[in-house]
C-alpha cells in the first residue's frame, strides 16, 4: 500500500516535470532579456541620431555639415 502510494506520487511528479519542459517556460524566461535588448537598442538609435543631428527634435533642419540633403 505504501509502495503504491509512493509510486503514484513519483509518477505525478514525473508527469509534472515533463509537462514543464516545454518551450513556453523557456520563452517566458527570455522575455526580460528581450525587453532589455529592445530598450538598449532604442537608446543606441536615439544616441546615434542625437550625435549626428545635435537634437532629438525631428522637425529641426539638419545642421551637420557632413550630412547633405
PDB file of N, CA and C in Angstrom:
ATOM      1  N   UNK A   1       0.826  -1.191   0.000  1.00  0.00           N
ATOM      2  CA  UNK A   1       0.000   0.000   0.000  1.00  0.00           C
ATOM      3  C   UNK A   1       0.871   1.257   0.000  1.00  0.00           C
ATOM      4  N   UNK A   2       1.860   1.257   0.882  1.00  0.00           N
ATOM      5  CA  UNK A   2       2.737   2.415   0.986  1.00  0.00           C
ATOM      6  C   UNK A   2       3.571   2.582  -0.286  1.00  0.00           C
ATOM      7  N   UNK A   3       4.024   1.455  -0.834  1.00  0.00           N
ATOM      8  CA  UNK A   3       4.838   1.492  -2.047  1.00  0.00           C
ATOM      9  C   UNK A   3       4.007   1.999  -3.218  1.00  0.00           C
ATOM     10  N   UNK A   4       2.762   1.563  -3.311  1.00  0.00           N
ATOM     11  CA  UNK A   4       1.893   2.012  -4.396  1.00  0.00           C
ATOM     12  C   UNK A   4       1.645   3.514  -4.309  1.00  0.00           C
ATOM     13  N   UNK A   5       1.449   4.022  -3.089  1.00  0.00           N
ATOM     14  CA  UNK A   5       1.209   5.448  -2.912  1.00  0.00           C
ATOM     15  C   UNK A   5       2.458   6.255  -3.296  1.00  0.00           C
ATOM     16  N   UNK A   6       3.631   5.756  -2.889  1.00  0.00           N
ATOM     17  CA  UNK A   6       4.879   6.431  -3.254  1.00  0.00           C
ATOM     18  C   UNK A   6       5.096   6.393  -4.762  1.00  0.00           C
ATOM     19  N   UNK A   7       4.781   5.252  -5.369  1.00  0.00           N
ATOM     20  CA  UNK A   7       4.930   5.122  -6.812  1.00  0.00           C
ATOM     21  C   UNK A   7       3.990   6.079  -7.538  1.00  0.00           C
ATOM     22  N   UNK A   8       2.760   6.187  -7.070  1.00  0.00           N
ATOM     23  CA  UNK A   8       1.805   7.111  -7.684  1.00  0.00           C
ATOM     24  C   UNK A   8       2.281   8.556  -7.531  1.00  0.00           C
ATOM     25  N   UNK A   9       2.824   8.886  -6.369  1.00  0.00           N
ATOM     26  CA  UNK A   9       3.347  10.234  -6.145  1.00  0.00           C
ATOM     27  C   UNK A   9       4.523  10.514  -7.082  1.00  0.00           C
ATOM     28  N   UNK A  10       5.402   9.552  -7.236  1.00  0.00           N
ATOM     29  CA  UNK A  10       6.542   9.711  -8.141  1.00  0.00           C
ATOM     30  C   UNK A  10       6.072   9.909  -9.580  1.00  0.00           C
ATOM     31  N   UNK A  11       5.044   9.157  -9.974  1.00  0.00           N
ATOM     32  CA  UNK A  11       4.527   9.295 -11.334  1.00  0.00           C
ATOM     33  C   UNK A  11       3.902  10.668 -11.546  1.00  0.00           C
ATOM     34  N   UNK A  12       3.183  11.173 -10.538  1.00  0.00           N
ATOM     35  CA  UNK A  12       2.599  12.512 -10.651  1.00  0.00           C
ATOM     36  C   UNK A  12       3.692  13.575 -10.756  1.00  0.00           C
ATOM     37  N   UNK A  13       4.742  13.434  -9.960  1.00  0.00           N
ATOM     38  CA  UNK A  13       5.838  14.395 -10.015  1.00  0.00           C
ATOM     39  C   UNK A  13       6.565  14.331 -11.356  1.00  0.00           C
ATOM     40  N   UNK A  14       6.764  13.115 -11.872  1.00  0.00           N
ATOM     41  CA  UNK A  14       7.426  12.960 -13.170  1.00  0.00           C
ATOM     42  C   UNK A  14       6.580  13.578 -14.280  1.00  0.00           C
ATOM     43  N   UNK A  15       5.271  13.384 -14.216  1.00  0.00           N
ATOM     44  CA  UNK A  15       4.385  13.978 -15.220  1.00  0.00           C
ATOM     45  C   UNK A  15       4.433  15.499 -15.145  1.00  0.00           C
ATOM     46  N   UNK A  16       4.480  16.043 -13.943  1.00  0.00           N
ATOM     47  CA  UNK A  16       4.556  17.497 -13.789  1.00  0.00           C
ATOM     48  C   UNK A  16       5.876  18.029 -14.332  1.00  0.00           C
ATOM     49  N   UNK A  17       6.961  17.300 -14.093  1.00  0.00           N
ATOM     50  CA  UNK A  17       8.262  17.731 -14.621  1.00  0.00           C
ATOM     51  C   UNK A  17       8.268  17.687 -16.138  1.00  0.00           C
ATOM     52  N   UNK A  18       7.727  16.631 -16.721  1.00  0.00           N
ATOM     53  CA  UNK A  18       7.690  16.513 -18.172  1.00  0.00           C
ATOM     54  C   UNK A  18       6.819  17.596 -18.786  1.00  0.00           C
ATOM     55  N   UNK A  19       5.745  17.935 -18.124  1.00  0.00           N
ATOM     56  CA  UNK A  19       4.838  18.958 -18.632  1.00  0.00           C
ATOM     57  C   UNK A  19       5.500  20.332 -18.609  1.00  0.00           C
ATOM     58  N   UNK A  20       6.386  20.577 -17.656  1.00  0.00           N
ATOM     59  CA  UNK A  20       7.026  21.881 -17.511  1.00  0.00           C
ATOM     60  C   UNK A  20       8.237  22.044 -18.417  1.00  0.00           C
ATOM     61  N   UNK A  21       8.583  21.027 -19.191  1.00  0.00           N
ATOM     62  CA  UNK A  21       9.779  21.101 -20.026  1.00  0.00           C
ATOM     63  C   UNK A  21       9.494  21.619 -21.431  1.00  0.00           C
ATOM     64  N   UNK A  22       8.379  22.270 -21.651  1.00  0.00           N
ATOM     65  CA  UNK A  22       8.037  22.763 -22.978  1.00  0.00           C
ATOM     66  C   UNK A  22       8.754  24.055 -23.319  1.00  0.00           C
ATOM     67  N   UNK A  23       8.431  24.606 -24.493  1.00  0.00           N
ATOM     68  CA  UNK A  23       9.083  25.828 -24.955  1.00  0.00           C
ATOM     69  C   UNK A  23       8.533  27.067 -24.267  1.00  0.00           C
ATOM     70  N   UNK A  24       7.342  26.973 -23.664  1.00  0.00           N
ATOM     71  CA  UNK A  24       6.723  28.145 -23.048  1.00  0.00           C
ATOM     72  C   UNK A  24       7.555  28.647 -21.882  1.00  0.00           C
ATOM     73  N   UNK A  25       8.020  27.758 -21.031  1.00  0.00           N
ATOM     74  CA  UNK A  25       8.811  28.200 -19.884  1.00  0.00           C
ATOM     75  C   UNK A  25      10.120  28.835 -20.333  1.00  0.00           C
ATOM     76  N   UNK A  26      10.710  28.319 -21.399  1.00  0.00           N
ATOM     77  CA  UNK A  26      11.940  28.913 -21.919  1.00  0.00           C
ATOM     78  C   UNK A  26      11.648  30.292 -22.490  1.00  0.00           C
ATOM     79  N   UNK A  27      10.548  30.426 -23.223  1.00  0.00           N
ATOM     80  CA  UNK A  27      10.177  31.720 -23.794  1.00  0.00           C
ATOM     81  C   UNK A  27       9.916  32.748 -22.706  1.00  0.00           C
ATOM     82  N   UNK A  28       9.237  32.348 -21.644  1.00  0.00           N
ATOM     83  CA  UNK A  28       8.935  33.269 -20.549  1.00  0.00           C
ATOM     84  C   UNK A  28      10.223  33.732 -19.875  1.00  0.00           C
ATOM     85  N   UNK A  29      11.209  32.873 -19.788  1.00  0.00           N
ATOM     86  CA  UNK A  29      12.484  33.266 -19.195  1.00  0.00           C
ATOM     87  C   UNK A  29      13.200  34.307 -20.042  1.00  0.00           C
ATOM     88  N   UNK A  30      12.997  34.302 -21.352  1.00  0.00           N
ATOM     89  CA  UNK A  30      13.704  35.229 -22.231  1.00  0.00           C
ATOM     90  C   UNK A  30      13.006  36.568 -22.381  1.00  0.00           C
ATOM     91  N   UNK A  31      11.773  36.709 -21.884  1.00  0.00           N
ATOM     92  CA  UNK A  31      11.052  37.973 -22.029  1.00  0.00           C
ATOM     93  C   UNK A  31      11.824  39.144 -21.422  1.00  0.00           C
ATOM     94  N   UNK A  32      12.339  39.062 -20.193  1.00  0.00           N
ATOM     95  CA  UNK A  32      13.102  40.209 -19.665  1.00  0.00           C
ATOM     96  C   UNK A  32      14.327  40.546 -20.506  1.00  0.00           C
ATOM     97  N   UNK A  33      15.003  39.539 -21.027  1.00  0.00           N
ATOM     98  CA  UNK A  33      16.175  39.798 -21.869  1.00  0.00           C
ATOM     99  C   UNK A  33      15.774  40.495 -23.165  1.00  0.00           C
ATOM    100  N   UNK A  34      14.664  40.078 -23.749  1.00  0.00           N
ATOM    101  CA  UNK A  34      14.205  40.720 -24.977  1.00  0.00           C
ATOM    102  C   UNK A  34      13.822  42.169 -24.717  1.00  0.00           C
ATOM    103  N   UNK A  35      13.107  42.417 -23.617  1.00  0.00           N
ATOM    104  CA  UNK A  35      12.721  43.791 -23.295  1.00  0.00           C
ATOM    105  C   UNK A  35      13.947  44.663 -23.069  1.00  0.00           C
ATOM    106  N   UNK A  36      14.918  44.165 -22.335  1.00  0.00           N
ATOM    107  CA  UNK A  36      16.138  44.924 -22.095  1.00  0.00           C
ATOM    108  C   UNK A  36      16.876  45.188 -23.404  1.00  0.00           C
ATOM    109  N   UNK A  37      16.918  44.212 -24.285  1.00  0.00           N
ATOM    110  CA  UNK A  37      17.587  44.387 -25.575  1.00  0.00           C
ATOM    111  C   UNK A  37      16.896  45.450 -26.415  1.00  0.00           C
ATOM    112  N   UNK A  38      15.580  45.444 -26.422  1.00  0.00           N
ATOM    113  CA  UNK A  38      14.836  46.440 -27.206  1.00  0.00           C
ATOM    114  C   UNK A  38      15.063  47.840 -26.649  1.00  0.00           C
ATOM    115  N   UNK A  39      15.053  47.979 -25.332  1.00  0.00           N
ATOM    116  CA  UNK A  39      15.287  49.286 -24.713  1.00  0.00           C
ATOM    117  C   UNK A  39      16.697  49.778 -25.030  1.00  0.00           C
ATOM    118  N   UNK A  40      17.672  48.895 -24.925  1.00  0.00           N
ATOM    119  CA  UNK A  40      19.053  49.300 -25.212  1.00  0.00           C
ATOM    120  C   UNK A  40      19.239  49.645 -26.685  1.00  0.00           C
ATOM    121  N   UNK A  41      18.623  48.891 -27.575  1.00  0.00           N
ATOM    122  CA  UNK A  41      18.712  49.185 -29.000  1.00  0.00           C
ATOM    123  C   UNK A  41      18.086  50.543 -29.307  1.00  0.00           C
ATOM    124  N   UNK A  42      16.930  50.820 -28.713  1.00  0.00           N
ATOM    125  CA  UNK A  42      16.300  52.130 -28.894  1.00  0.00           C
ATOM    126  C   UNK A  42      17.168  53.256 -28.373  1.00  0.00           C
ATOM    127  N   UNK A  43      17.785  53.060 -27.212  1.00  0.00           N
ATOM    128  CA  UNK A  43      18.665  54.092 -26.652  1.00  0.00           C
ATOM    129  C   UNK A  43      19.868  54.331 -27.561  1.00  0.00           C
ATOM    130  N   UNK A  44      20.409  53.267 -28.141  1.00  0.00           N
ATOM    131  CA  UNK A  44      21.543  53.438 -29.057  1.00  0.00           C
ATOM    132  C   UNK A  44      21.123  54.190 -30.315  1.00  0.00           C
ATOM    133  N   UNK A  45      19.941  53.890 -30.826  1.00  0.00           N
ATOM    134  CA  UNK A  45      19.458  54.595 -32.017  1.00  0.00           C
ATOM    135  C   UNK A  45      19.237  56.081 -31.728  1.00  0.00           C
ATOM    136  N   UNK A  46      18.596  56.373 -30.583  1.00  0.00           N
ATOM    137  CA  UNK A  46      18.414  57.772 -30.205  1.00  0.00           C
ATOM    138  C   UNK A  46      19.759  58.461 -30.022  1.00  0.00           C
ATOM    139  N   UNK A  47      20.718  57.765 -29.428  1.00  0.00           N
ATOM    140  CA  UNK A  47      22.044  58.342 -29.221  1.00  0.00           C
ATOM    141  C   UNK A  47      22.738  58.648 -30.529  1.00  0.00           C
ATOM    142  N   UNK A  48      22.669  57.735 -31.487  1.00  0.00           N
ATOM    143  CA  UNK A  48      23.289  57.988 -32.786  1.00  0.00           C
ATOM    144  C   UNK A  48      22.608  59.157 -33.490  1.00  0.00           C
ATOM    145  N   UNK A  49      21.286  59.210 -33.407  1.00  0.00           N
ATOM    146  CA  UNK A  49      20.561  60.319 -34.025  1.00  0.00           C
ATOM    147  C   UNK A  49      20.961  61.639 -33.383  1.00  0.00           C
ATOM    148  N   UNK A  50      21.072  61.651 -32.048  1.00  0.00           N
ATOM    149  CA  UNK A  50      21.436  62.873 -31.330  1.00  0.00           C
ATOM    150  C   UNK A  50      22.859  63.306 -31.675  1.00  0.00           C
ATOM    151  N   UNK A  51      23.779  62.352 -31.770  1.00  0.00           N
ATOM    152  CA  UNK A  51      25.165  62.692 -32.106  1.00  0.00           C
ATOM    153  C   UNK A  51      25.239  63.288 -33.508  1.00  0.00           C
ATOM    154  N   UNK A  52      24.499  62.727 -34.450  1.00  0.00           N
ATOM    155  CA  UNK A  52      24.586  63.205 -35.826  1.00  0.00           C
ATOM    156  C   UNK A  52      23.825  64.503 -36.051  1.00  0.00           C
ATOM    157  N   UNK A  53      22.708  64.710 -35.367  1.00  0.00           N
ATOM    158  CA  UNK A  53      21.850  65.853 -35.647  1.00  0.00           C
ATOM    159  C   UNK A  53      21.930  66.935 -34.583  1.00  0.00           C
ATOM    160  N   UNK A  54      22.458  66.627 -33.417  1.00  0.00           N
ATOM    161  CA  UNK A  54      22.581  67.628 -32.364  1.00  0.00           C
ATOM    162  C   UNK A  54      21.311  67.849 -31.579  1.00  0.00           C
ATOM    163  N   UNK A  55      20.232  67.205 -31.945  1.00  0.00           N
ATOM    164  CA  UNK A  55      18.961  67.336 -31.242  1.00  0.00           C
ATOM    165  C   UNK A  55      18.113  66.110 -31.537  1.00  0.00           C
ATOM    166  N   UNK A  56      17.129  65.869 -30.678  1.00  0.00           N
ATOM    167  CA  UNK A  56      16.192  64.779 -30.939  1.00  0.00           C
ATOM    168  C   UNK A  56      14.907  65.285 -31.585  1.00  0.00           C
ATOM    169  N   UNK A  57      14.822  66.589 -31.837  1.00  0.00           N
ATOM    170  CA  UNK A  57      13.639  67.185 -32.455  1.00  0.00           C
ATOM    171  C   UNK A  57      13.686  66.927 -33.959  1.00  0.00           C
ATOM    172  N   UNK A  58      12.779  66.099 -34.453  1.00  0.00           N
ATOM    173  CA  UNK A  58      12.819  65.730 -35.870  1.00  0.00           C
ATOM    174  C   UNK A  58      12.285  66.828 -36.779  1.00  0.00           C
ATOM    175  N   UNK A  59      11.716  67.901 -36.207  1.00  0.00           N
ATOM    176  CA  UNK A  59      11.207  68.993 -37.043  1.00  0.00           C
ATOM    177  C   UNK A  59      12.292  70.001 -37.383  1.00  0.00           C
ATOM    178  N   UNK A  60      13.442  69.921 -36.719  1.00  0.00           N
ATOM    179  CA  UNK A  60      14.536  70.858 -36.983  1.00  0.00           C
ATOM    180  C   UNK A  60      15.269  70.454 -38.257  1.00  0.00           C
ATOM    181  N   UNK A  61      15.765  71.436 -39.009  1.00  0.00           N
ATOM    182  CA  UNK A  61      16.561  71.090 -40.190  1.00  0.00           C
ATOM    183  C   UNK A  61      17.897  70.480 -39.774  1.00  0.00           C
ATOM    184  N   UNK A  62      18.472  69.705 -40.661  1.00  0.00           N
ATOM    185  CA  UNK A  62      19.753  69.065 -40.380  1.00  0.00           C
ATOM    186  C   UNK A  62      20.850  70.111 -40.505  1.00  0.00           C
ATOM    187  N   UNK A  63      21.650  70.273 -39.444  1.00  0.00           N
ATOM    188  CA  UNK A  63      22.691  71.301 -39.435  1.00  0.00           C
ATOM    189  C   UNK A  63      24.090  70.707 -39.465  1.00  0.00           C
ATOM    190  N   UNK A  64      24.202  69.400 -39.471  1.00  0.00           N
ATOM    191  CA  UNK A  64      25.518  68.774 -39.518  1.00  0.00           C
ATOM    192  C   UNK A  64      26.101  68.984 -40.904  1.00  0.00           C
ATOM    193  N   UNK A  65      27.321  69.537 -40.963  1.00  0.00           N
ATOM    194  CA  UNK A  65      27.910  69.860 -42.261  1.00  0.00           C
ATOM    195  C   UNK A  65      28.284  68.621 -43.069  1.00  0.00           C
ATOM    196  N   UNK A  66      28.398  67.485 -42.419  1.00  0.00           N
ATOM    197  CA  UNK A  66      28.780  66.267 -43.123  1.00  0.00           C
ATOM    198  C   UNK A  66      27.579  65.512 -43.678  1.00  0.00           C
ATOM    199  N   UNK A  67      26.376  65.945 -43.328  1.00  0.00           N
ATOM    200  CA  UNK A  67      25.170  65.311 -43.842  1.00  0.00           C
ATOM    201  C   UNK A  67      24.563  66.235 -44.884  1.00  0.00           C
ATOM    202  N   UNK A  68      24.466  65.764 -46.112  1.00  0.00           N
ATOM    203  CA  UNK A  68      23.896  66.585 -47.177  1.00  0.00           C
ATOM    204  C   UNK A  68      22.505  66.082 -47.501  1.00  0.00           C
ATOM    205  N   UNK A  69      21.700  66.986 -47.978  1.00  0.00           N
ATOM    206  CA  UNK A  69      20.318  66.639 -48.317  1.00  0.00           C
ATOM    207  C   UNK A  69      20.270  65.847 -49.605  1.00  0.00           C
TER     208      UNK A  69
END
